[in-house]
Amino acid sequence: MDLSELERDNTGRCRLNSPVPAVCRKEPCVLGIDEAGRGPVLGPMVYAICYCPLTRLADLEALKVADSKTLSESERFRLFAKMEEDGDFVGWALDVLSPNLISTSMLGRVKYNLNSLSHDTATGLVRYALDQGVKVAQVFVDTVGPPETYQKWLQQRFPGIEVTVKAKADALFPVVSAASICAKVARDQAVKNWQFVEKLRDLDADYGSGYPNDPKTKAWLRKHVDPVFGFPQFVRFSWRTAQSILETEAEDVTCPKMAATAPDITSQPPKASSPGSHSVSSWLKVGHIYI
């Protein structure tokens, strides 16, 4: 799987996809949706779709795809390679959401929680398949939140498609299992090859599982927290585990209320040589904060 686009810029989101098989533009298709990396405090969350014609679903099942959590890393890579070999009838697409995007979404002034982000990402991938000409007839989804509510929400957005949302769908429907494998292979590769934009000293590449309750992951977080700048962007700083470490290991920063006479920082800074103008440093002063 080529993740070079993500490796060039892992601060936002990245869409990856296979070529669309010609048959998927001609015959009604079944499409599965699943994710990998929803719970970890480290690394991206990856949403994936996998699709094939209804007439070839038995061929997809014959690959013996299964819930990615029940497979070893080598088994997942082997099955993903098989799906790539069968690209004449199997297609896939991914949306890789960086830790930075997840955290800034959740902690923004207008809150955007993980469930809403997940729902919108899944919807975006279905629309992407449709825009690519895939004749989607059925969609199977591993639920996020109450399945009945989620199914109704999706059905309203895609009234011409039969939507099924179930808990543990990745263990029930082979097309969802295939999507889960695509997502997990991409996340594993992204985490293993993560390009740190920060210049970290003595970087420890042994993160543990990345889950909040893993002692090795917690030790890694404590080792790589900066007392002023916090965590590298590999960390979801909106997670409670990360916030707790910040509260104990980092310095408090207080931003006094902006002074009523603060200069207009939306305007261009004055030239230092302009008669009667303030210096650039005074233009950057806001209350008691200096840059």
Protein backbone atom coordinates (compact mmCIF):
# COMPACT_ATOMS: atom_id res chain seq x y z
CA MET A 1 0.00 0.00 0.00
CA ASP A 2 1.49 3.32 -1.08
CA LEU A 3 1.22 5.83 1.79
CA SER A 4 3.74 8.30 0.37
CA GLU A 5 1.12 11.07 0.25
CA LEU A 6 0.47 10.64 3.98
CA GLU A 7 4.19 10.51 4.72
CA ARG A 8 4.64 13.85 2.95
CA ASP A 9 1.93 15.50 5.07
CA ASN A 10 0.44 13.71 8.07
CA THR A 11 -1.11 16.76 9.74
CA GLY A 12 -4.58 16.61 8.16
CA ARG A 13 -6.39 13.90 6.27
CA CYS A 14 -5.49 11.77 3.27
CA ARG A 15 -7.65 9.88 0.75
CA LEU A 16 -6.22 6.74 -0.86
CA ASN A 17 -7.94 4.38 -3.26
CA SER A 18 -7.58 1.52 -5.67
CA PRO A 19 -8.58 1.79 -9.32
CA VAL A 20 -12.33 1.19 -9.75
CA PRO A 21 -12.91 -2.20 -11.41
CA ALA A 22 -14.83 -1.75 -14.67
CA VAL A 23 -17.40 -4.34 -13.60
CA CYS A 24 -18.27 -2.22 -10.54
CA ARG A 25 -19.47 0.54 -12.85
CA LYS A 26 -21.75 -1.88 -14.66
CA GLU A 27 -23.23 -4.21 -12.03
CA PRO A 28 -24.95 -3.54 -8.69
CA CYS A 29 -22.37 -3.67 -5.91
CA VAL A 30 -22.20 -4.37 -2.20
CA LEU A 31 -20.03 -2.04 -0.11
CA GLY A 32 -18.67 -2.51 3.42
CA ILE A 33 -17.42 0.17 5.83
CA ASP A 34 -15.15 -0.22 8.85
CA GLU A 35 -12.39 1.62 10.68
CA ALA A 36 -9.13 0.96 12.49
CA GLY A 37 -7.61 3.00 15.28
CA ARG A 38 -10.66 4.60 16.86
CA GLY A 39 -9.52 4.02 20.45
CA PRO A 40 -5.73 4.57 20.55
CA VAL A 41 -4.18 7.74 21.92
CA LEU A 42 -1.43 7.47 19.28
CA GLY A 43 -1.58 7.59 15.52
CA PRO A 44 -4.30 8.11 12.92
CA MET A 45 -7.79 6.68 12.61
CA VAL A 46 -8.38 5.04 9.24
CA TYR A 47 -11.81 4.57 7.65
CA ALA A 48 -12.12 2.15 4.75
CA ILE A 49 -14.65 0.96 2.23
CA CYS A 50 -14.39 -2.22 0.19
CA TYR A 51 -16.81 -3.11 -2.60
CA CYS A 52 -17.48 -5.71 -5.24
CA PRO A 53 -20.39 -6.75 -7.51
CA LEU A 54 -23.14 -8.72 -5.80
CA THR A 55 -22.51 -11.47 -8.35
CA ARG A 56 -18.90 -11.78 -7.13
CA LEU A 57 -19.55 -11.72 -3.38
CA ALA A 58 -18.95 -15.48 -3.17
CA ASP A 59 -15.51 -14.91 -4.72
CA LEU A 60 -14.72 -12.34 -2.03
CA GLU A 61 -15.87 -14.78 0.66
CA ALA A 62 -13.63 -17.43 -0.89
CA LEU A 63 -10.62 -15.33 0.08
CA LYS A 64 -11.56 -16.16 3.70
CA VAL A 65 -11.50 -12.55 4.83
CA ALA A 66 -12.26 -12.10 8.53
CA ASP A 67 -12.46 -9.41 11.20
CA SER A 68 -8.98 -7.85 11.12
CA LYS A 69 -8.74 -8.00 14.93
CA THR A 70 -8.75 -11.82 14.75
CA LEU A 71 -5.89 -11.92 12.23
CA SER A 72 -2.16 -11.56 12.66
CA GLU A 73 -0.36 -8.71 10.93
CA SER A 74 1.10 -11.09 8.35
CA GLU A 75 -2.34 -12.60 7.65
CA ARG A 76 -3.82 -9.14 7.12
CA PHE A 77 -1.08 -8.20 4.67
CA ARG A 78 -1.50 -11.50 2.82
CA LEU A 79 -5.26 -11.00 2.47
CA PHE A 80 -4.86 -7.39 1.39
CA ALA A 81 -2.39 -8.53 -1.27
CA LYS A 82 -4.96 -11.09 -2.48
CA MET A 83 -7.59 -8.36 -2.77
CA GLU A 84 -5.12 -6.30 -4.78
CA GLU A 85 -4.56 -9.29 -7.08
CA ASP A 86 -8.32 -9.52 -7.54
CA GLY A 87 -8.57 -5.88 -8.55
CA ASP A 88 -10.69 -6.85 -11.55
CA PHE A 89 -13.69 -7.11 -9.21
CA VAL A 90 -12.65 -5.75 -5.78
CA GLY A 91 -12.14 -2.06 -5.06
CA TRP A 92 -11.33 -0.08 -1.93
CA ALA A 93 -10.83 3.46 -0.66
CA LEU A 94 -9.45 4.91 2.58
CA ASP A 95 -9.71 8.12 4.53
CA VAL A 96 -6.77 8.55 6.92
CA LEU A 97 -7.52 11.04 9.71
CA SER A 98 -4.44 12.35 11.49
CA PRO A 99 -4.21 12.61 15.29
CA ASN A 100 -3.89 16.37 14.85
CA LEU A 101 -7.13 16.60 12.87
CA ILE A 102 -8.98 14.41 15.38
CA SER A 103 -7.86 16.44 18.39
CA THR A 104 -8.37 19.89 16.88
CA SER A 105 -11.86 18.81 15.77
CA MET A 106 -12.80 17.57 19.23
CA LEU A 107 -11.35 20.57 21.10
CA GLY A 108 -12.38 23.32 18.71
CA ARG A 109 -14.62 26.19 19.75
CA VAL A 110 -17.43 24.38 17.93
CA LYS A 111 -17.16 20.81 19.25
CA TYR A 112 -17.02 18.01 16.68
CA ASN A 113 -17.06 14.74 18.57
CA LEU A 114 -15.52 11.47 17.42
CA ASN A 115 -18.88 9.88 16.58
CA SER A 116 -19.86 12.75 14.30
CA LEU A 117 -16.43 12.73 12.68
CA SER A 118 -16.76 8.97 12.13
CA HIS A 119 -20.26 9.23 10.66
CA ASP A 120 -19.28 12.04 8.30
CA THR A 121 -16.15 10.21 7.18
CA ALA A 122 -18.11 7.04 6.40
CA THR A 123 -20.69 9.07 4.50
CA GLY A 124 -17.94 10.80 2.56
CA LEU A 125 -16.47 7.48 1.45
CA VAL A 126 -19.84 6.22 0.19
CA ARG A 127 -20.30 9.46 -1.75
CA TYR A 128 -16.79 9.08 -3.13
CA ALA A 129 -17.59 5.59 -4.44
CA LEU A 130 -20.78 6.88 -6.04
CA ASP A 131 -18.92 9.83 -7.58
CA GLN A 132 -16.44 7.35 -9.07
CA GLY A 133 -19.31 5.57 -10.80
CA VAL A 134 -19.57 2.54 -8.52
CA LYS A 135 -23.15 1.18 -8.71
CA VAL A 136 -23.66 0.83 -4.96
CA ALA A 137 -26.83 -1.15 -4.19
CA GLN A 138 -26.16 -2.34 -0.62
CA VAL A 139 -24.07 -0.91 2.21
CA PHE A 140 -23.04 -2.78 5.38
CA VAL A 141 -21.52 -0.80 8.24
CA ASP A 142 -19.91 -1.62 11.56
CA THR A 143 -21.81 0.64 13.93
CA VAL A 144 -20.59 3.71 15.79
CA GLY A 145 -23.17 4.48 18.45
CA PRO A 146 -26.67 2.95 18.47
CA PRO A 147 -27.02 0.94 15.22
CA GLU A 148 -30.70 1.78 14.69
CA THR A 149 -30.05 5.52 14.88
CA TYR A 150 -26.98 5.33 12.67
CA GLN A 151 -28.79 3.19 10.08
CA LYS A 152 -31.70 5.63 9.91
CA TRP A 153 -29.25 8.53 9.54
CA LEU A 154 -27.42 6.83 6.67
CA GLN A 155 -30.62 5.66 4.97
CA GLN A 156 -31.87 9.25 4.86
CA ARG A 157 -28.68 10.29 3.07
CA PHE A 158 -28.74 7.41 0.61
CA PRO A 159 -32.43 6.66 0.00
CA GLY A 160 -31.77 4.59 -3.10
CA ILE A 161 -29.38 2.21 -1.32
CA GLU A 162 -30.21 -0.62 1.09
CA VAL A 163 -28.30 0.19 4.31
CA THR A 164 -27.57 -2.27 7.13
CA VAL A 165 -25.78 -1.16 10.31
CA LYS A 166 -24.83 -3.78 12.88
CA ALA A 167 -22.59 -4.16 15.88
CA LYS A 168 -19.68 -6.51 15.07
CA ALA A 169 -20.47 -6.18 11.36
CA ASP A 170 -16.81 -6.89 10.62
CA ALA A 171 -17.39 -10.43 11.93
CA LEU A 172 -20.79 -10.86 10.24
CA PHE A 173 -20.36 -9.62 6.67
CA PRO A 174 -17.33 -10.52 4.51
CA VAL A 175 -17.38 -7.18 2.68
CA VAL A 176 -17.06 -5.38 6.04
CA SER A 177 -14.30 -7.81 7.04
CA ALA A 178 -12.49 -6.86 3.84
CA ALA A 179 -12.88 -3.15 4.68
CA SER A 180 -11.54 -3.78 8.19
CA ILE A 181 -8.45 -5.45 6.73
CA CYS A 182 -7.82 -2.50 4.40
CA ALA A 183 -8.16 -0.06 7.30
CA LYS A 184 -5.91 -2.03 9.67
CA VAL A 185 -3.18 -2.61 7.08
CA ALA A 186 -3.12 1.14 6.34
CA ARG A 187 -3.03 2.15 10.01
CA ASP A 188 -0.31 -0.36 10.89
CA GLN A 189 1.83 0.91 8.04
CA ALA A 190 1.14 4.57 8.91
CA VAL A 191 2.12 4.08 12.55
CA LYS A 192 5.24 2.06 11.70
CA ASN A 193 6.48 4.66 9.19
CA TRP A 194 5.24 7.81 10.95
CA GLN A 195 7.21 10.92 9.95
CA PHE A 196 7.62 13.14 13.00
CA VAL A 197 7.53 16.82 12.07
CA GLU A 198 9.09 17.62 15.44
CA LYS A 199 12.81 17.20 16.06
CA LEU A 200 12.62 14.80 19.00
CA ARG A 201 15.68 13.80 20.94
CA ASP A 202 16.17 10.12 21.70
CA LEU A 203 12.96 9.16 19.92
CA ASP A 204 11.72 5.80 21.19
CA ALA A 205 9.95 3.92 18.38
CA ASP A 206 8.46 1.37 20.79
CA TYR A 207 5.05 2.92 21.44
CA GLY A 208 3.38 -0.20 22.79
CA SER A 209 -0.12 -0.83 21.50
CA GLY A 210 -0.99 2.87 21.42
CA TYR A 211 -4.05 2.27 23.61
CA PRO A 212 -4.54 4.51 26.66
CA ASN A 213 -4.40 1.68 29.21
CA ASP A 214 -1.09 0.26 27.92
CA PRO A 215 1.72 0.98 30.46
CA LYS A 216 4.29 1.12 27.65
CA THR A 217 2.21 3.70 25.77
CA LYS A 218 1.82 5.80 28.93
CA ALA A 219 5.59 5.62 29.53
CA TRP A 220 6.20 6.77 25.94
CA LEU A 221 3.82 9.72 26.43
CA ARG A 222 5.60 10.80 29.63
CA LYS A 223 8.98 10.53 27.95
CA HIS A 224 7.99 12.64 24.94
CA VAL A 225 5.90 15.39 26.53
CA ASP A 226 7.47 18.84 26.31
CA PRO A 227 6.77 21.05 29.35
CA VAL A 228 5.89 24.02 27.10
CA PHE A 229 4.82 22.65 23.71
CA GLY A 230 3.15 19.46 24.86
CA PHE A 231 3.07 16.37 22.66
CA PRO A 232 4.23 15.68 19.11
CA GLN A 233 1.42 15.54 16.55
CA PHE A 234 1.53 11.75 16.65
CA VAL A 235 -0.48 12.05 19.89
CA ARG A 236 -4.22 12.68 20.17
CA PHE A 237 -3.97 15.38 22.81
CA SER A 238 -7.76 15.44 23.19
CA TRP A 239 -7.64 11.99 24.85
CA ARG A 240 -8.00 12.03 28.62
CA THR A 241 -4.80 10.01 29.07
CA ALA A 242 -2.80 12.68 27.25
CA GLN A 243 -4.54 15.52 29.08
CA SER A 244 -3.79 13.94 32.48
CA ILE A 245 -0.08 13.73 31.63
CA LEU A 246 -0.09 17.35 30.46
CA GLU A 247 -1.68 18.41 33.73
CA THR A 248 1.10 16.77 35.77
CA GLU A 249 4.15 17.06 33.50
CA ALA A 250 3.70 20.34 31.61
CA GLU A 251 3.78 23.96 32.71
CA ASP A 252 0.62 25.96 33.24
CA VAL A 253 0.09 28.73 30.68
CA THR A 254 -2.24 31.62 31.50
CA CYS A 255 -3.49 34.00 28.82
CA PRO A 256 -4.76 37.22 30.44
CA LYS A 257 -7.84 38.83 29.00
CA MET A 258 -7.03 40.77 25.87
CA ALA A 259 -6.67 44.45 26.65
CA ALA A 260 -9.39 46.69 25.29
CA THR A 261 -6.73 48.88 23.68
CA ALA A 262 -4.97 45.98 21.97
CA PRO A 263 -3.98 46.80 18.38
CA ASP A 264 -5.87 45.35 15.47
CA ILE A 265 -3.86 42.21 14.70
CA THR A 266 -5.99 41.46 11.64
CA SER A 267 -4.31 44.34 9.81
CA GLN A 268 -0.86 44.26 8.28
CA PRO A 269 1.98 45.21 10.67
CA PRO A 270 3.26 48.74 10.12
CA LYS A 271 6.64 49.24 8.56
CA ALA A 272 9.21 50.04 11.22
CA SER A 273 10.45 52.98 9.14
CA SER A 274 7.02 54.66 8.91
CA PRO A 275 6.98 58.01 10.75
CA GLY A 276 5.14 57.72 14.06
CA SER A 277 4.46 54.00 13.62
CA HIS A 278 4.81 51.38 16.33
CA SER A 279 7.50 48.74 16.06
CA VAL A 280 6.69 45.31 14.69
CA SER A 281 7.18 43.84 18.17
CA SER A 282 4.59 46.19 19.65
CA TRP A 283 2.17 45.26 16.86
CA LEU A 284 2.55 41.63 17.94
CA LYS A 285 1.76 42.49 21.55
CA VAL A 286 -1.68 41.34 22.64
CA GLY A 287 -2.46 42.04 26.31
CA HIS A 288 0.51 40.53 28.13
CA ILE A 289 1.38 38.02 25.44
CA TYR A 290 4.47 38.67 23.35
CA ILE A 291 5.56 36.80 20.23
